[in-house]
Amino acid sequence: MILDHKNITPAEFAQVGQNVRKTFYWEKKDLATYVVLTKHLLATAIENHNSGGKFAKEFGDRVLGLGYDLASMT
């Protein structure tokens, strides 16, 4: 696992997502790496949402956003 889903805040998670999108989709034009990393982010967000922790709702919101990004950019 690249991200430890238990120790990341929603703000940190959002920053990672922005960096992945900026670096691999827009700057490097590396769609394969973008898809792999975004799928990992999506799985991490789902796991955090399903955990029922204090940030579950925020991570649930990111699931929707990441899913939209992945679909629209591929």
Protein backbone atom coordinates (compact mmCIF):
# COMPACT_ATOMS: atom_id res chain seq x y z
CA MET A 1 0.00 0.00 0.00
CA ILE A 2 1.41 3.38 -1.00
CA LEU A 3 -0.77 5.44 1.34
CA ASP A 4 -1.50 4.37 4.88
CA HIS A 5 -5.24 4.95 4.89
CA LYS A 6 -5.33 5.16 8.69
CA ASN A 7 -2.96 8.12 9.02
CA ILE A 8 -3.92 10.55 6.28
CA THR A 9 -6.20 13.54 6.68
CA PRO A 10 -8.68 14.61 4.03
CA ALA A 11 -6.59 17.73 3.30
CA GLU A 12 -3.42 15.68 2.80
CA PHE A 13 -5.33 13.22 0.66
CA ALA A 14 -6.73 16.00 -1.53
CA GLN A 15 -3.22 17.39 -2.00
CA VAL A 16 -1.91 14.00 -3.11
CA GLY A 17 -4.77 13.71 -5.60
CA GLN A 18 -4.05 17.15 -7.01
CA ASN A 19 -0.35 16.33 -7.33
CA VAL A 20 -1.08 13.05 -9.15
CA ARG A 21 -3.43 14.79 -11.57
CA LYS A 22 -1.08 17.74 -12.19
CA THR A 23 2.09 15.68 -12.54
CA PHE A 24 1.03 12.58 -14.42
CA TYR A 25 -1.98 13.74 -16.43
CA TRP A 26 -1.17 17.35 -17.29
CA GLU A 27 2.62 17.66 -17.14
CA LYS A 28 4.03 14.23 -18.09
CA LYS A 29 1.04 13.08 -20.17
CA ASP A 30 1.56 9.62 -18.60
CA LEU A 31 -1.97 8.26 -18.69
CA ALA A 32 -1.02 4.74 -17.57
CA THR A 33 0.64 5.96 -14.36
CA TYR A 34 -2.19 8.44 -13.77
CA VAL A 35 -4.76 5.63 -13.97
CA VAL A 36 -2.84 3.30 -11.66
CA LEU A 37 -2.28 5.98 -9.02
CA THR A 38 -5.82 7.33 -9.23
CA LYS A 39 -7.24 3.82 -8.84
CA HIS A 40 -5.10 3.43 -5.73
CA LEU A 41 -6.35 6.77 -4.41
CA LEU A 42 -9.90 5.68 -5.13
CA ALA A 43 -9.41 2.41 -3.23
CA THR A 44 -7.87 4.32 -0.31
CA ALA A 45 -10.79 6.76 -0.22
CA ILE A 46 -13.29 3.89 -0.29
CA GLU A 47 -11.47 2.11 2.52
CA ASN A 48 -11.42 5.27 4.63
CA HIS A 49 -15.08 5.93 3.92
CA ASN A 50 -16.09 2.38 4.84
CA SER A 51 -14.03 2.46 8.04
CA GLY A 52 -16.57 4.76 9.66
CA GLY A 53 -13.80 6.92 11.11
CA LYS A 54 -14.09 10.59 11.92
CA PHE A 55 -13.33 11.58 8.31
CA ALA A 56 -15.55 8.96 6.65
CA LYS A 57 -17.86 11.53 5.02
CA GLU A 58 -14.97 13.58 3.64
CA PHE A 59 -13.41 10.49 2.09
CA GLY A 60 -16.79 9.46 0.70
CA ASP A 61 -16.95 12.83 -1.05
CA ARG A 62 -13.48 12.18 -2.53
CA VAL A 63 -14.69 8.81 -3.90
CA LEU A 64 -17.18 10.67 -6.05
CA GLY A 65 -14.63 13.25 -7.19
CA LEU A 66 -11.92 10.73 -7.99
CA GLY A 67 -14.35 8.52 -9.87
CA TYR A 68 -15.46 11.48 -11.97
CA ASP A 69 -11.84 12.52 -12.66
CA LEU A 70 -10.86 9.01 -13.68
CA ALA A 71 -13.84 8.64 -15.99
CA SER A 72 -13.57 12.06 -17.59
CA MET A 73 -9.80 11.92 -18.16
CA THR A 74 -9.78 8.46 -19.68
